[in-house]
PDB file of all heavy atoms in Angstrom:
ATOM      1  N   SER A   1      58.229  -4.060 -56.151  1.00  0.00           N
ATOM      2  CA  SER A   1      59.351  -3.284 -56.683  1.00  0.00           C
ATOM      3  C   SER A   1      58.914  -2.260 -57.738  1.00  0.00           C
ATOM      4  O   SER A   1      59.727  -1.734 -58.498  1.00  0.00           O
ATOM      5  CB  SER A   1      60.439  -4.206 -57.252  1.00  0.00           C
ATOM      6  OG  SER A   1      61.652  -3.548 -57.448  1.00  0.00           O
ATOM      7  N   PHE A   2      57.593  -2.035 -57.823  1.00  0.00           N
ATOM      8  CA  PHE A   2      56.999  -1.021 -58.723  1.00  0.00           C
ATOM      9  C   PHE A   2      57.341  -1.283 -60.166  1.00  0.00           C
ATOM     10  O   PHE A   2      57.406  -0.334 -60.969  1.00  0.00           O
ATOM     11  CB  PHE A   2      57.469   0.377 -58.275  1.00  0.00           C
ATOM     12  CG  PHE A   2      57.200   0.639 -56.809  1.00  0.00           C
ATOM     13  CD1 PHE A   2      58.218   0.571 -55.884  1.00  0.00           C
ATOM     14  CD2 PHE A   2      55.938   0.953 -56.366  1.00  0.00           C
ATOM     15  CE1 PHE A   2      57.989   0.764 -54.552  1.00  0.00           C
ATOM     16  CE2 PHE A   2      55.666   1.164 -55.013  1.00  0.00           C
ATOM     17  CZ  PHE A   2      56.704   1.072 -54.116  1.00  0.00           C
ATOM     18  N   GLU A   3      57.505  -2.551 -60.536  1.00  0.00           N
ATOM     19  CA  GLU A   3      57.883  -2.879 -61.918  1.00  0.00           C
ATOM     20  C   GLU A   3      56.714  -2.770 -62.874  1.00  0.00           C
ATOM     21  O   GLU A   3      56.896  -2.994 -64.072  1.00  0.00           O
ATOM     22  CB  GLU A   3      58.518  -4.235 -61.968  1.00  0.00           C
ATOM     23  CG  GLU A   3      59.905  -4.279 -61.347  1.00  0.00           C
ATOM     24  CD  GLU A   3      60.853  -3.223 -61.932  1.00  0.00           C
ATOM     25  OE1 GLU A   3      61.112  -3.267 -63.137  1.00  0.00           O
ATOM     26  OE2 GLU A   3      61.308  -2.348 -61.167  1.00  0.00           O
ATOM     27  N   THR A   4      55.517  -2.453 -62.366  1.00  0.00           N
ATOM     28  CA  THR A   4      54.411  -2.143 -63.273  1.00  0.00           C
ATOM     29  C   THR A   4      54.561  -0.743 -63.868  1.00  0.00           C
ATOM     30  O   THR A   4      53.818  -0.347 -64.753  1.00  0.00           O
ATOM     31  CB  THR A   4      53.064  -2.196 -62.518  1.00  0.00           C
ATOM     32  OG1 THR A   4      53.090  -1.290 -61.419  1.00  0.00           O
ATOM     33  CG2 THR A   4      52.778  -3.624 -62.012  1.00  0.00           C
ATOM     34  N   GLY A   5      55.523   0.009 -63.345  1.00  0.00           N
ATOM     35  CA  GLY A   5      55.713   1.398 -63.815  1.00  0.00           C
ATOM     36  C   GLY A   5      54.806   2.366 -63.135  1.00  0.00           C
ATOM     37  O   GLY A   5      54.735   3.561 -63.497  1.00  0.00           O
ATOM     38  N   ASN A   6      54.083   1.879 -62.093  1.00  0.00           N
ATOM     39  CA  ASN A   6      53.212   2.725 -61.276  1.00  0.00           C
ATOM     40  C   ASN A   6      53.155   2.173 -59.877  1.00  0.00           C
ATOM     41  O   ASN A   6      53.914   1.225 -59.566  1.00  0.00           O
ATOM     42  CB  ASN A   6      51.812   2.872 -61.922  1.00  0.00           C
ATOM     43  CG  ASN A   6      51.193   1.520 -62.239  1.00  0.00           C
ATOM     44  OD1 ASN A   6      51.322   0.562 -61.418  1.00  0.00           O
ATOM     45  ND2 ASN A   6      50.540   1.403 -63.354  1.00  0.00           N
ATOM     46  N   TYR A   7      52.260   2.663 -59.035  1.00  0.00           N
ATOM     47  CA  TYR A   7      52.194   2.102 -57.716  1.00  0.00           C
ATOM     48  C   TYR A   7      50.875   1.315 -57.504  1.00  0.00           C
ATOM     49  O   TYR A   7      50.264   1.325 -56.432  1.00  0.00           O
ATOM     50  CB  TYR A   7      52.377   3.147 -56.630  1.00  0.00           C
ATOM     51  CG  TYR A   7      51.494   4.394 -56.676  1.00  0.00           C
ATOM     52  CD1 TYR A   7      50.297   4.447 -55.966  1.00  0.00           C
ATOM     53  CD2 TYR A   7      51.897   5.522 -57.391  1.00  0.00           C
ATOM     54  CE1 TYR A   7      49.495   5.577 -55.966  1.00  0.00           C
ATOM     55  CE2 TYR A   7      51.092   6.670 -57.406  1.00  0.00           C
ATOM     56  CZ  TYR A   7      49.920   6.662 -56.716  1.00  0.00           C
ATOM     57  OH  TYR A   7      49.106   7.809 -56.734  1.00  0.00           O
ATOM     58  N   LYS A   8      50.492   0.583 -58.538  1.00  0.00           N
ATOM     59  CA  LYS A   8      49.355  -0.314 -58.439  1.00  0.00           C
ATOM     60  C   LYS A   8      49.519  -1.283 -57.253  1.00  0.00           C
ATOM     61  O   LYS A   8      50.574  -1.843 -57.047  1.00  0.00           O
ATOM     62  CB  LYS A   8      49.183  -1.125 -59.710  1.00  0.00           C
ATOM     63  CG  LYS A   8      48.023  -2.093 -59.722  1.00  0.00           C
ATOM     64  CD  LYS A   8      47.928  -2.849 -61.040  1.00  0.00           C
ATOM     65  CE  LYS A   8      46.767  -3.850 -61.035  1.00  0.00           C
ATOM     66  NZ  LYS A   8      46.653  -4.599 -62.303  1.00  0.00           N
ATOM     67  N   GLY A   9      48.455  -1.434 -56.449  1.00  0.00           N
ATOM     68  CA  GLY A   9      48.502  -2.314 -55.301  1.00  0.00           C
ATOM     69  C   GLY A   9      48.857  -1.614 -53.990  1.00  0.00           C
ATOM     70  O   GLY A   9      48.709  -2.130 -52.937  1.00  0.00           O
ATOM     71  N   TRP A  10      49.320  -0.364 -54.123  1.00  0.00           N
ATOM     72  CA  TRP A  10      49.673   0.454 -53.003  1.00  0.00           C
ATOM     73  C   TRP A  10      48.665   1.584 -52.793  1.00  0.00           C
ATOM     74  O   TRP A  10      48.061   2.081 -53.741  1.00  0.00           O
ATOM     75  CB  TRP A  10      51.053   1.037 -53.156  1.00  0.00           C
ATOM     76  CG  TRP A  10      52.145   0.034 -53.222  1.00  0.00           C
ATOM     77  CD1 TRP A  10      52.590  -0.604 -54.349  1.00  0.00           C
ATOM     78  CD2 TRP A  10      52.889  -0.501 -52.156  1.00  0.00           C
ATOM     79  NE1 TRP A  10      53.592  -1.502 -54.026  1.00  0.00           N
ATOM     80  CE2 TRP A  10      53.807  -1.461 -52.659  1.00  0.00           C
ATOM     81  CE3 TRP A  10      52.906  -0.277 -50.758  1.00  0.00           C
ATOM     82  CZ2 TRP A  10      54.689  -2.161 -51.883  1.00  0.00           C
ATOM     83  CZ3 TRP A  10      53.792  -0.975 -49.970  1.00  0.00           C
ATOM     84  CH2 TRP A  10      54.661  -1.914 -50.517  1.00  0.00           C
ATOM     85  N   THR A  11      48.528   2.001 -51.553  1.00  0.00           N
ATOM     86  CA  THR A  11      47.628   3.149 -51.213  1.00  0.00           C
ATOM     87  C   THR A  11      48.491   4.318 -50.741  1.00  0.00           C
ATOM     88  O   THR A  11      49.337   4.148 -49.846  1.00  0.00           O
ATOM     89  CB  THR A  11      46.638   2.749 -50.106  1.00  0.00           C
ATOM     90  OG1 THR A  11      45.809   1.669 -50.588  1.00  0.00           O
ATOM     91  CG2 THR A  11      45.728   3.930 -49.753  1.00  0.00           C
ATOM     92  N   VAL A  12      48.264   5.458 -51.324  1.00  0.00           N
ATOM     93  CA  VAL A  12      49.014   6.661 -50.973  1.00  0.00           C
ATOM     94  C   VAL A  12      48.054   7.604 -50.224  1.00  0.00           C
ATOM     95  O   VAL A  12      46.918   7.848 -50.659  1.00  0.00           O
ATOM     96  CB  VAL A  12      49.542   7.378 -52.248  1.00  0.00           C
ATOM     97  CG1 VAL A  12      49.927   8.789 -51.971  1.00  0.00           C
ATOM     98  CG2 VAL A  12      50.731   6.582 -52.805  1.00  0.00           C
ATOM     99  N   THR A  13      48.504   8.112 -49.096  1.00  0.00           N
ATOM    100  CA  THR A  13      47.699   9.052 -48.302  1.00  0.00           C
ATOM    101  C   THR A  13      48.580  10.239 -47.873  1.00  0.00           C
ATOM    102  O   THR A  13      49.697  10.064 -47.459  1.00  0.00           O
ATOM    103  CB  THR A  13      47.087   8.396 -47.056  1.00  0.00           C
ATOM    104  OG1 THR A  13      48.139   7.804 -46.262  1.00  0.00           O
ATOM    105  CG2 THR A  13      46.106   7.293 -47.498  1.00  0.00           C
ATOM    106  N   TYR A  14      47.983  11.426 -47.962  1.00  0.00           N
ATOM    107  CA  TYR A  14      48.585  12.631 -47.425  1.00  0.00           C
ATOM    108  C   TYR A  14      47.457  13.672 -47.287  1.00  0.00           C
ATOM    109  O   TYR A  14      46.366  13.457 -47.820  1.00  0.00           O
ATOM    110  CB  TYR A  14      49.735  13.123 -48.328  1.00  0.00           C
ATOM    111  CG  TYR A  14      49.424  13.302 -49.786  1.00  0.00           C
ATOM    112  CD1 TYR A  14      49.017  14.532 -50.287  1.00  0.00           C
ATOM    113  CD2 TYR A  14      49.622  12.255 -50.672  1.00  0.00           C
ATOM    114  CE1 TYR A  14      48.758  14.674 -51.660  1.00  0.00           C
ATOM    115  CE2 TYR A  14      49.372  12.398 -52.023  1.00  0.00           C
ATOM    116  CZ  TYR A  14      48.942  13.628 -52.502  1.00  0.00           C
ATOM    117  OH  TYR A  14      48.684  13.778 -53.855  1.00  0.00           O
ATOM    118  N   PRO A  15      47.678  14.748 -46.576  1.00  0.00           N
ATOM    119  CA  PRO A  15      46.587  15.687 -46.255  1.00  0.00           C
ATOM    120  C   PRO A  15      45.899  16.212 -47.487  1.00  0.00           C
ATOM    121  O   PRO A  15      46.515  16.552 -48.491  1.00  0.00           O
ATOM    122  CB  PRO A  15      47.307  16.790 -45.500  1.00  0.00           C
ATOM    123  CG  PRO A  15      48.514  16.147 -44.879  1.00  0.00           C
ATOM    124  CD  PRO A  15      48.947  15.145 -45.901  1.00  0.00           C
ATOM    125  N   SER A  16      44.561  16.302 -47.402  1.00  0.00           N
ATOM    126  CA  SER A  16      43.786  16.872 -48.510  1.00  0.00           C
ATOM    127  C   SER A  16      44.200  18.318 -48.712  1.00  0.00           C
ATOM    128  O   SER A  16      44.545  19.051 -47.751  1.00  0.00           O
ATOM    129  CB  SER A  16      42.289  16.774 -48.225  1.00  0.00           C
ATOM    130  OG  SER A  16      41.990  17.515 -47.027  1.00  0.00           O
ATOM    131  N   GLY A  17      44.174  18.738 -49.969  1.00  0.00           N
ATOM    132  CA  GLY A  17      44.592  20.081 -50.279  1.00  0.00           C
ATOM    133  C   GLY A  17      46.088  20.237 -50.509  1.00  0.00           C
ATOM    134  O   GLY A  17      46.537  21.295 -50.957  1.00  0.00           O
ATOM    135  N   THR A  18      46.830  19.162 -50.246  1.00  0.00           N
ATOM    136  CA  THR A  18      48.305  19.176 -50.477  1.00  0.00           C
ATOM    137  C   THR A  18      48.576  18.830 -51.938  1.00  0.00           C
ATOM    138  O   THR A  18      47.996  17.888 -52.452  1.00  0.00           O
ATOM    139  CB  THR A  18      48.996  18.208 -49.557  1.00  0.00           C
ATOM    140  OG1 THR A  18      48.708  18.523 -48.202  1.00  0.00           O
ATOM    141  CG2 THR A  18      50.490  18.190 -49.789  1.00  0.00           C
ATOM    142  N   THR A  19      49.505  19.540 -52.528  1.00  0.00           N
ATOM    143  CA  THR A  19      49.961  19.230 -53.868  1.00  0.00           C
ATOM    144  C   THR A  19      51.408  18.804 -53.834  1.00  0.00           C
ATOM    145  O   THR A  19      52.220  19.522 -53.243  1.00  0.00           O
ATOM    146  CB  THR A  19      49.794  20.444 -54.805  1.00  0.00           C
ATOM    147  OG1 THR A  19      48.404  20.826 -54.895  1.00  0.00           O
ATOM    148  CG2 THR A  19      50.299  20.104 -56.221  1.00  0.00           C
ATOM    149  N   LEU A  20      51.730  17.650 -54.420  1.00  0.00           N
ATOM    150  CA  LEU A  20      53.077  17.216 -54.516  1.00  0.00           C
ATOM    151  C   LEU A  20      53.616  17.450 -55.944  1.00  0.00           C
ATOM    152  O   LEU A  20      52.924  17.146 -56.899  1.00  0.00           O
ATOM    153  CB  LEU A  20      53.187  15.725 -54.185  1.00  0.00           C
ATOM    154  CG  LEU A  20      52.888  15.349 -52.720  1.00  0.00           C
ATOM    155  CD1 LEU A  20      52.839  13.802 -52.562  1.00  0.00           C
ATOM    156  CD2 LEU A  20      53.927  15.928 -51.798  1.00  0.00           C
ATOM    157  N   THR A  21      54.822  17.930 -56.014  1.00  0.00           N
ATOM    158  CA  THR A  21      55.443  18.133 -57.321  1.00  0.00           C
ATOM    159  C   THR A  21      55.604  16.802 -58.069  1.00  0.00           C
ATOM    160  O   THR A  21      55.431  16.730 -59.281  1.00  0.00           O
ATOM    161  CB  THR A  21      56.803  18.823 -57.164  1.00  0.00           C
ATOM    162  OG1 THR A  21      56.615  20.033 -56.409  1.00  0.00           O
ATOM    163  CG2 THR A  21      57.431  19.141 -58.490  1.00  0.00           C
ATOM    164  N   TRP A  22      55.981  15.781 -57.302  1.00  0.00           N
ATOM    165  CA  TRP A  22      56.129  14.446 -57.879  1.00  0.00           C
ATOM    166  C   TRP A  22      55.681  13.415 -56.887  1.00  0.00           C
ATOM    167  O   TRP A  22      56.009  13.466 -55.695  1.00  0.00           O
ATOM    168  CB  TRP A  22      57.593  14.190 -58.259  1.00  0.00           C
ATOM    169  CG  TRP A  22      57.877  12.760 -58.702  1.00  0.00           C
ATOM    170  CD1 TRP A  22      57.173  12.033 -59.597  1.00  0.00           C
ATOM    171  CD2 TRP A  22      58.917  11.903 -58.197  1.00  0.00           C
ATOM    172  NE1 TRP A  22      57.730  10.769 -59.697  1.00  0.00           N
ATOM    173  CE2 TRP A  22      58.813  10.663 -58.883  1.00  0.00           C
ATOM    174  CE3 TRP A  22      59.950  12.082 -57.277  1.00  0.00           C
ATOM    175  CZ2 TRP A  22      59.681   9.606 -58.640  1.00  0.00           C
ATOM    176  CZ3 TRP A  22      60.811  11.020 -57.035  1.00  0.00           C
ATOM    177  CH2 TRP A  22      60.688   9.803 -57.723  1.00  0.00           C
ATOM    178  N   CYS A  23      54.903  12.439 -57.303  1.00  0.00           N
ATOM    179  CA  CYS A  23      54.455  11.319 -56.517  1.00  0.00           C
ATOM    180  C   CYS A  23      54.165  10.188 -57.495  1.00  0.00           C
ATOM    181  O   CYS A  23      53.111  10.202 -58.167  1.00  0.00           O
ATOM    182  CB  CYS A  23      53.262  11.662 -55.687  1.00  0.00           C
ATOM    183  SG  CYS A  23      52.544  10.258 -54.803  1.00  0.00           S
ATOM    184  N   GLY A  24      55.089   9.243 -57.613  1.00  0.00           N
ATOM    185  CA  GLY A  24      54.849   8.158 -58.556  1.00  0.00           C
ATOM    186  C   GLY A  24      56.077   7.356 -58.801  1.00  0.00           C
ATOM    187  O   GLY A  24      57.078   7.414 -58.095  1.00  0.00           O
ATOM    188  N   ALA A  25      55.991   6.522 -59.857  1.00  0.00           N
ATOM    189  CA  ALA A  25      57.105   5.610 -60.200  1.00  0.00           C
ATOM    190  C   ALA A  25      57.798   6.129 -61.437  1.00  0.00           C
ATOM    191  O   ALA A  25      57.176   6.677 -62.379  1.00  0.00           O
ATOM    192  CB  ALA A  25      56.568   4.208 -60.503  1.00  0.00           C
ATOM    193  N   ASN A  26      59.128   6.007 -61.447  1.00  0.00           N
ATOM    194  CA  ASN A  26      59.903   6.278 -62.642  1.00  0.00           C
ATOM    195  C   ASN A  26      61.210   5.491 -62.555  1.00  0.00           C
ATOM    196  O   ASN A  26      61.401   4.718 -61.640  1.00  0.00           O
ATOM    197  CB  ASN A  26      60.145   7.788 -62.873  1.00  0.00           C
ATOM    198  CG  ASN A  26      61.023   8.427 -61.820  1.00  0.00           C
ATOM    199  OD1 ASN A  26      61.784   7.777 -61.113  1.00  0.00           O
ATOM    200  ND2 ASN A  26      60.924   9.746 -61.704  1.00  0.00           N
ATOM    201  N   SER A  27      62.094   5.697 -63.498  1.00  0.00           N
ATOM    202  CA  SER A  27      63.344   4.922 -63.550  1.00  0.00           C
ATOM    203  C   SER A  27      64.529   5.717 -63.029  1.00  0.00           C
ATOM    204  O   SER A  27      65.660   5.233 -63.156  1.00  0.00           O
ATOM    205  CB  SER A  27      63.613   4.480 -65.009  1.00  0.00           C
ATOM    206  OG  SER A  27      63.708   5.614 -65.839  1.00  0.00           O
ATOM    207  N   ASP A  28      64.285   6.875 -62.443  1.00  0.00           N
ATOM    208  CA  ASP A  28      65.363   7.796 -62.078  1.00  0.00           C
ATOM    209  C   ASP A  28      65.904   7.459 -60.681  1.00  0.00           C
ATOM    210  O   ASP A  28      65.477   8.009 -59.672  1.00  0.00           O
ATOM    211  CB  ASP A  28      64.822   9.237 -62.096  1.00  0.00           C
ATOM    212  CG  ASP A  28      65.910  10.271 -61.821  1.00  0.00           C
ATOM    213  OD1 ASP A  28      67.102   9.923 -62.070  1.00  0.00           O
ATOM    214  OD2 ASP A  28      65.586  11.385 -61.383  1.00  0.00           O
ATOM    215  N   ALA A  29      66.875   6.541 -60.663  1.00  0.00           N
ATOM    216  CA  ALA A  29      67.512   6.145 -59.391  1.00  0.00           C
ATOM    217  C   ALA A  29      68.892   5.547 -59.726  1.00  0.00           C
ATOM    218  O   ALA A  29      69.196   5.242 -60.875  1.00  0.00           O
ATOM    219  CB  ALA A  29      66.663   5.127 -58.646  1.00  0.00           C
ATOM    220  N   ASP A  30      69.669   5.396 -58.678  1.00  0.00           N
ATOM    221  CA  ASP A  30      71.050   4.870 -58.834  1.00  0.00           C
ATOM    222  C   ASP A  30      70.981   3.475 -59.447  1.00  0.00           C
ATOM    223  O   ASP A  30      70.416   2.520 -58.869  1.00  0.00           O
ATOM    224  CB  ASP A  30      71.710   4.806 -57.452  1.00  0.00           C
ATOM    225  CG  ASP A  30      73.088   4.221 -57.517  1.00  0.00           C
ATOM    226  OD1 ASP A  30      73.919   4.703 -58.304  1.00  0.00           O
ATOM    227  OD2 ASP A  30      73.329   3.212 -56.794  1.00  0.00           O
ATOM    228  N   ALA A  31      71.556   3.304 -60.606  1.00  0.00           N
ATOM    229  CA  ALA A  31      71.465   2.067 -61.380  1.00  0.00           C
ATOM    230  C   ALA A  31      72.103   0.899 -60.664  1.00  0.00           C
ATOM    231  O   ALA A  31      71.666  -0.241 -60.795  1.00  0.00           O
ATOM    232  CB  ALA A  31      72.093   2.240 -62.761  1.00  0.00           C
ATOM    233  N   ALA A  32      73.103   1.183 -59.869  1.00  0.00           N
ATOM    234  CA  ALA A  32      73.845   0.084 -59.198  1.00  0.00           C
ATOM    235  C   ALA A  32      73.082  -0.496 -58.021  1.00  0.00           C
ATOM    236  O   ALA A  32      73.377  -1.623 -57.613  1.00  0.00           O
ATOM    237  CB  ALA A  32      75.203   0.604 -58.740  1.00  0.00           C
ATOM    238  N   THR A  33      72.159   0.257 -57.438  1.00  0.00           N
ATOM    239  CA  THR A  33      71.500  -0.205 -56.234  1.00  0.00           C
ATOM    240  C   THR A  33      69.973  -0.364 -56.371  1.00  0.00           C
ATOM    241  O   THR A  33      69.327  -0.878 -55.459  1.00  0.00           O
ATOM    242  CB  THR A  33      71.766   0.734 -55.046  1.00  0.00           C
ATOM    243  OG1 THR A  33      71.444   2.075 -55.409  1.00  0.00           O
ATOM    244  CG2 THR A  33      73.232   0.697 -54.647  1.00  0.00           C
ATOM    245  N   LYS A  34      69.386   0.033 -57.485  1.00  0.00           N
ATOM    246  CA  LYS A  34      67.974  -0.210 -57.668  1.00  0.00           C
ATOM    247  C   LYS A  34      67.748  -1.639 -58.157  1.00  0.00           C
ATOM    248  O   LYS A  34      68.688  -2.255 -58.711  1.00  0.00           O
ATOM    249  CB  LYS A  34      67.333   0.830 -58.582  1.00  0.00           C
ATOM    250  CG  LYS A  34      67.708   0.704 -60.057  1.00  0.00           C
ATOM    251  CD  LYS A  34      66.962   1.750 -60.881  1.00  0.00           C
ATOM    252  CE  LYS A  34      67.302   1.673 -62.391  1.00  0.00           C
ATOM    253  NZ  LYS A  34      66.552   2.634 -63.186  1.00  0.00           N
ATOM    254  N   THR A  35      66.552  -2.130 -58.031  1.00  0.00           N
ATOM    255  CA  THR A  35      66.181  -3.464 -58.509  1.00  0.00           C
ATOM    256  C   THR A  35      65.204  -3.314 -59.695  1.00  0.00           C
ATOM    257  O   THR A  35      64.152  -2.694 -59.569  1.00  0.00           O
ATOM    258  CB  THR A  35      65.518  -4.257 -57.399  1.00  0.00           C
ATOM    259  OG1 THR A  35      66.422  -4.381 -56.297  1.00  0.00           O
ATOM    260  CG2 THR A  35      65.089  -5.648 -57.870  1.00  0.00           C
ATOM    261  N   GLY A  36      65.571  -3.880 -60.834  1.00  0.00           N
ATOM    262  CA  GLY A  36      64.736  -3.764 -62.010  1.00  0.00           C
ATOM    263  C   GLY A  36      64.811  -2.374 -62.596  1.00  0.00           C
ATOM    264  O   GLY A  36      65.863  -1.690 -62.498  1.00  0.00           O
ATOM    265  N   THR A  37      63.704  -1.877 -63.159  1.00  0.00           N
ATOM    266  CA  THR A  37      63.694  -0.623 -63.889  1.00  0.00           C
ATOM    267  C   THR A  37      63.152   0.522 -63.065  1.00  0.00           C
ATOM    268  O   THR A  37      63.682   1.632 -63.116  1.00  0.00           O
ATOM    269  CB  THR A  37      62.844  -0.767 -65.158  1.00  0.00           C
ATOM    270  OG1 THR A  37      63.380  -1.786 -66.000  1.00  0.00           O
ATOM    271  CG2 THR A  37      62.832   0.539 -65.961  1.00  0.00           C
ATOM    272  N   TYR A  38      62.098   0.285 -62.273  1.00  0.00           N
ATOM    273  CA  TYR A  38      61.377   1.371 -61.665  1.00  0.00           C
ATOM    274  C   TYR A  38      61.551   1.451 -60.158  1.00  0.00           C
ATOM    275  O   TYR A  38      61.826   0.449 -59.486  1.00  0.00           O
ATOM    276  CB  TYR A  38      59.844   1.208 -61.966  1.00  0.00           C
ATOM    277  CG  TYR A  38      59.561   1.312 -63.451  1.00  0.00           C
ATOM    278  CD1 TYR A  38      59.337   0.174 -64.217  1.00  0.00           C
ATOM    279  CD2 TYR A  38      59.464   2.559 -64.067  1.00  0.00           C
ATOM    280  CE1 TYR A  38      59.089   0.260 -65.562  1.00  0.00           C
ATOM    281  CE2 TYR A  38      59.197   2.642 -65.438  1.00  0.00           C
ATOM    282  CZ  TYR A  38      58.993   1.500 -66.167  1.00  0.00           C
ATOM    283  OH  TYR A  38      58.724   1.597 -67.520  1.00  0.00           O
ATOM    284  N   ILE A  39      61.360   2.659 -59.652  1.00  0.00           N
ATOM    285  CA  ILE A  39      61.335   2.950 -58.244  1.00  0.00           C
ATOM    286  C   ILE A  39      60.101   3.829 -57.988  1.00  0.00           C
ATOM    287  O   ILE A  39      59.469   4.318 -58.927  1.00  0.00           O
ATOM    288  CB  ILE A  39      62.620   3.640 -57.731  1.00  0.00           C
ATOM    289  CG1 ILE A  39      62.905   4.928 -58.573  1.00  0.00           C
ATOM    290  CG2 ILE A  39      63.813   2.721 -57.889  1.00  0.00           C
ATOM    291  CD1 ILE A  39      62.278   6.193 -58.089  1.00  0.00           C
TER     292      ILE A  39
END
């Protein structure tokens, strides 16, 4: 549930040379349906 505040334990893959504006964990999600603090 990403409660470490990051994606430790997970592997992220996407094409080399690609830049993502955002890729990670944060608390910005619907409070009523998320589990814990982070997504």
